[in-house]
Protein backbone atom coordinates (compact mmCIF):
# COMPACT_ATOMS: atom_id res chain seq x y z
CA MET A 1 97.74 26.30 121.07
CA GLY A 2 98.35 23.27 118.88
CA SER A 3 100.73 21.85 121.48
CA TYR A 4 98.06 22.01 124.16
CA VAL A 5 95.51 20.32 121.88
CA LEU A 6 98.05 17.57 121.27
CA LEU A 7 98.62 17.23 125.02
CA VAL A 8 94.88 16.82 125.64
CA THR A 9 94.76 14.26 122.81
CA PHE A 10 97.61 12.29 124.37
CA TRP A 11 95.94 12.27 127.79
CA LEU A 12 92.59 11.20 126.38
CA ALA A 13 94.21 8.50 124.23
CA TYR A 14 96.08 7.23 127.29
CA GLY A 15 92.83 7.06 129.26
CA VAL A 16 90.94 5.26 126.49
CA LEU A 17 93.71 2.68 125.99
CA HIS A 18 94.00 2.16 129.74
CA SER A 19 90.26 1.50 130.04
CA VAL A 20 90.01 -0.68 126.94
CA LEU A 21 92.79 -2.99 128.11
CA ALA A 22 91.06 -3.33 131.50
CA ASN A 23 87.74 -4.28 129.90
CA ASN A 24 86.64 -7.84 130.67
CA VAL A 25 85.78 -8.58 127.04
CA VAL A 26 89.25 -7.48 125.92
CA LYS A 27 90.85 -9.42 128.76
CA ARG A 28 89.00 -12.58 127.78
CA PHE A 29 90.15 -12.09 124.19
CA PHE A 30 93.78 -11.93 125.28
CA GLU A 31 93.24 -14.84 127.66
CA GLN A 32 92.22 -16.99 124.69
CA LYS A 33 95.05 -15.74 122.50
CA MET A 34 97.82 -15.81 125.10
CA GLY A 35 97.01 -19.14 126.73
CA ALA A 36 99.33 -19.82 129.65
CA GLY A 37 101.06 -16.50 129.02
CA TYR A 38 97.91 -14.69 130.17
CA ARG A 39 99.18 -14.92 133.73
CA PHE A 40 101.50 -12.04 132.79
CA TYR A 41 98.68 -9.87 131.43
CA ARG A 42 98.27 -7.64 134.48
CA LEU A 43 102.04 -7.23 134.79
CA ILE A 44 102.27 -6.25 131.11
CA TYR A 45 99.24 -3.97 131.52
CA ASN A 46 100.83 -2.14 134.45
CA GLY A 47 104.19 -1.92 132.70
CA LEU A 48 102.61 -0.51 129.53
CA ALA A 49 100.58 1.96 131.57
CA PHE A 50 103.74 3.17 133.31
CA VAL A 51 105.71 3.58 130.07
CA LEU A 52 102.90 5.43 128.29
CA LEU A 53 102.30 7.65 131.32
CA ALA A 54 106.00 8.53 131.39
CA ALA A 55 105.86 9.36 127.66
CA VAL A 56 102.84 11.67 128.07
CA LEU A 57 104.44 13.41 131.05
CA PHE A 58 107.70 13.81 129.13
CA TYR A 59 105.84 15.56 126.33
CA GLN A 60 103.95 17.69 128.84
CA PHE A 61 107.17 18.91 130.42
CA THR A 62 108.50 19.99 127.01
CA LEU A 63 105.68 22.56 126.74
CA PRO A 64 106.20 26.16 127.85
CA ALA A 65 105.79 26.88 131.56
CA GLN A 66 102.95 29.36 131.02
CA SER A 67 101.58 30.49 134.38
CA LEU A 68 97.99 31.65 134.93
CA TRP A 69 98.72 33.84 137.94
CA ALA A 70 101.57 35.26 139.99
CA PHE A 71 102.83 33.31 142.98
CA ASP A 72 100.56 33.53 146.03
CA TRP A 73 101.72 31.75 149.18
CA ARG A 74 98.14 31.04 150.28
CA ILE A 75 97.31 29.25 147.03
CA ASP A 76 100.65 27.47 147.17
CA LEU A 77 99.93 26.35 150.73
CA LEU A 78 96.56 24.94 149.69
CA GLY A 79 98.18 23.25 146.72
CA ASN A 80 100.78 21.56 148.89
CA PHE A 81 98.11 20.46 151.36
CA LEU A 82 96.08 18.83 148.57
CA LYS A 83 99.18 17.41 146.90
CA TYR A 84 100.72 15.71 149.90
CA GLY A 85 97.36 14.82 151.41
CA GLY A 86 96.36 13.14 148.16
CA LEU A 87 99.66 11.28 147.99
CA LEU A 88 99.18 10.04 151.55
CA ILE A 89 95.66 8.82 150.73
CA VAL A 90 96.96 6.90 147.70
CA MET A 91 99.71 5.27 149.75
CA ILE A 92 97.32 4.25 152.54
CA ALA A 93 94.79 2.93 150.03
CA ILE A 94 97.39 0.88 148.12
CA SER A 95 98.69 -0.57 151.40
CA GLY A 96 95.30 -2.24 151.82
CA TYR A 97 95.93 -4.40 148.74
CA ASN A 98 98.19 -7.37 148.21
CA PHE A 99 101.07 -5.69 146.35
CA LYS A 100 102.00 -8.75 144.29
CA GLU A 101 98.42 -9.20 143.09
CA PHE A 102 97.92 -5.47 142.58
CA SER A 103 101.08 -5.17 140.45
CA GLY A 104 100.55 -8.43 138.56
CA LEU A 105 103.55 -10.23 140.06
CA THR A 106 101.23 -13.07 141.08
CA PHE A 107 98.26 -14.47 139.20
CA SER A 108 95.17 -16.46 140.10
CA PRO A 109 93.20 -18.09 137.26
CA ASN A 110 89.99 -17.17 139.09
CA ASP A 111 90.75 -13.44 139.29
CA SER A 112 88.52 -12.46 136.38
CA LYS A 113 85.63 -14.83 137.15
CA PRO A 114 82.45 -13.32 138.63
CA GLY A 115 82.01 -14.13 142.29
CA SER A 116 85.60 -15.35 142.69
CA GLY A 117 86.74 -12.46 144.84
CA THR A 118 85.73 -10.92 148.14
CA LEU A 119 84.14 -7.48 148.32
CA LYS A 120 86.30 -5.37 150.59
CA THR A 121 84.66 -2.51 152.50
CA ASN A 122 87.16 -2.05 155.32
CA GLY A 123 89.80 0.62 155.86
CA MET A 124 89.45 3.62 153.57
CA LEU A 125 86.90 1.68 151.53
CA HIS A 126 84.53 2.18 154.44
CA TYR A 127 84.44 5.93 153.69
CA VAL A 128 84.78 6.11 149.90
CA ARG A 129 84.49 3.51 147.15
CA HIS A 130 87.59 4.60 145.24
CA PRO A 131 90.18 6.06 147.65
CA ILE A 132 93.07 5.69 145.17
CA TYR A 133 91.19 7.88 142.71
CA THR A 134 90.33 10.32 145.51
CA GLY A 135 94.00 10.73 146.34
CA THR A 136 94.95 10.99 142.67
CA ILE A 137 92.46 13.80 142.01
CA LEU A 138 93.57 15.71 145.10
CA PHE A 139 97.21 15.25 144.09
CA ILE A 140 96.87 16.52 140.52
CA TRP A 141 94.78 19.55 141.46
CA GLY A 142 97.25 20.29 144.23
CA LEU A 143 100.00 20.22 141.60
CA PHE A 144 98.08 22.73 139.52
CA LEU A 145 97.51 25.10 142.44
CA SER A 146 101.20 24.88 143.30
CA ASP A 147 102.57 25.70 139.83
CA SER A 148 99.56 27.47 138.18
CA LEU A 149 100.67 26.25 134.74
CA VAL A 150 98.33 25.81 131.78
CA ARG A 151 99.84 22.41 130.98
CA THR A 152 99.16 21.20 134.53
CA LEU A 153 95.59 22.49 134.39
CA LEU A 154 94.99 20.51 131.19
CA MET A 155 96.48 17.39 132.78
CA ALA A 156 94.33 17.78 135.91
CA ALA A 157 91.17 18.28 133.85
CA CYS A 158 91.88 15.31 131.56
CA VAL A 159 92.76 12.95 134.41
CA THR A 160 89.66 14.00 136.35
CA VAL A 161 87.35 13.42 133.38
CA TYR A 162 89.02 10.09 132.60
CA THR A 163 88.74 9.04 136.26
CA LEU A 164 85.01 9.74 136.42
CA ILE A 165 84.37 7.87 133.17
CA GLY A 166 86.67 5.04 134.24
CA ILE A 167 84.85 4.69 137.57
CA TYR A 168 81.54 4.25 135.75
CA PHE A 169 82.85 1.32 133.71
CA GLU A 170 84.79 -0.14 136.61
CA GLU A 171 81.67 -0.22 138.73
CA GLN A 172 79.77 -2.04 136.00
CA LYS A 173 82.35 -4.82 136.29
CA LEU A 174 82.10 -4.79 140.08
CA VAL A 175 78.32 -5.18 139.90
CA VAL A 176 78.79 -8.19 137.63
CA GLU A 177 81.34 -9.68 140.04
CA PHE A 178 79.64 -8.99 143.37
CA GLY A 179 76.00 -8.47 142.41
CA GLU A 180 73.63 -7.06 145.02
CA ALA A 181 76.37 -6.76 147.62
CA TYR A 182 78.09 -4.12 145.50
CA ARG A 183 74.82 -2.35 144.70
CA VAL A 184 74.18 -1.96 148.44
CA TYR A 185 77.75 -0.78 148.97
CA ARG A 186 77.41 1.73 146.14
CA ARG A 187 74.20 3.13 147.59
CA THR A 188 75.62 3.61 151.08
CA VAL A 189 79.24 4.69 150.52
CA PRO A 190 80.21 7.84 148.55
CA MET A 191 82.22 7.46 145.36
CA LEU A 192 85.19 9.78 145.94
CA PHE A 193 84.67 12.15 148.85
CA PRO A 194 83.29 11.05 152.22
CA LYS A 195 80.18 12.56 153.71
CA VAL A 196 80.21 13.73 157.29
CA PHE A 197 77.37 11.33 158.00
CA HIS A 198 76.50 8.29 155.93
CA LYS A 199 74.96 4.91 156.51
CA LYS A 200 77.38 2.09 157.12
CA ALA A 201 77.83 -0.31 154.20
CA ALA A 202 76.23 -3.71 154.58
CA PRO A 203 78.74 -6.44 155.53
């Protein structure tokens, strides 16, 4: 039991650190402290996120493979559908971004300034506001359905909770950056899962 509590603690700590380092106030603090070196901030941020994620996953895989139910091919089929469907959504969503900017390999000094960017509502963003998170949630719950392990259930629950909280704070930043345009977009486009019918976002 203690191992599972520690796993949840690690996941929550990872989520908190990830969100704190993405906060505009924290970013401005590092921008002042790092000077010209701040152009590497996003690259360092992504690298740190990858290393810490790998560490949490490593610990998770050291825990016992305690299954919640016996293998059922129907559940496994659903799990694989969610898993690979989610992965496909993530890949399509990421392809809509400039990889060098997304990864931090390039830097623009105006990136963090309100109104400096362009609100994108095309592609998958026309149907949901956060398609990468949509795919991630589908993927992790698909993993759980496929292996039925307690440790995977805890991971899926923690990542889902962190994602929902993270979206709230991320959208506060987007409102600051894009103002009324993002408020209109938020009102007309679902957050994670598309509706069969919904009003088209304002251009």
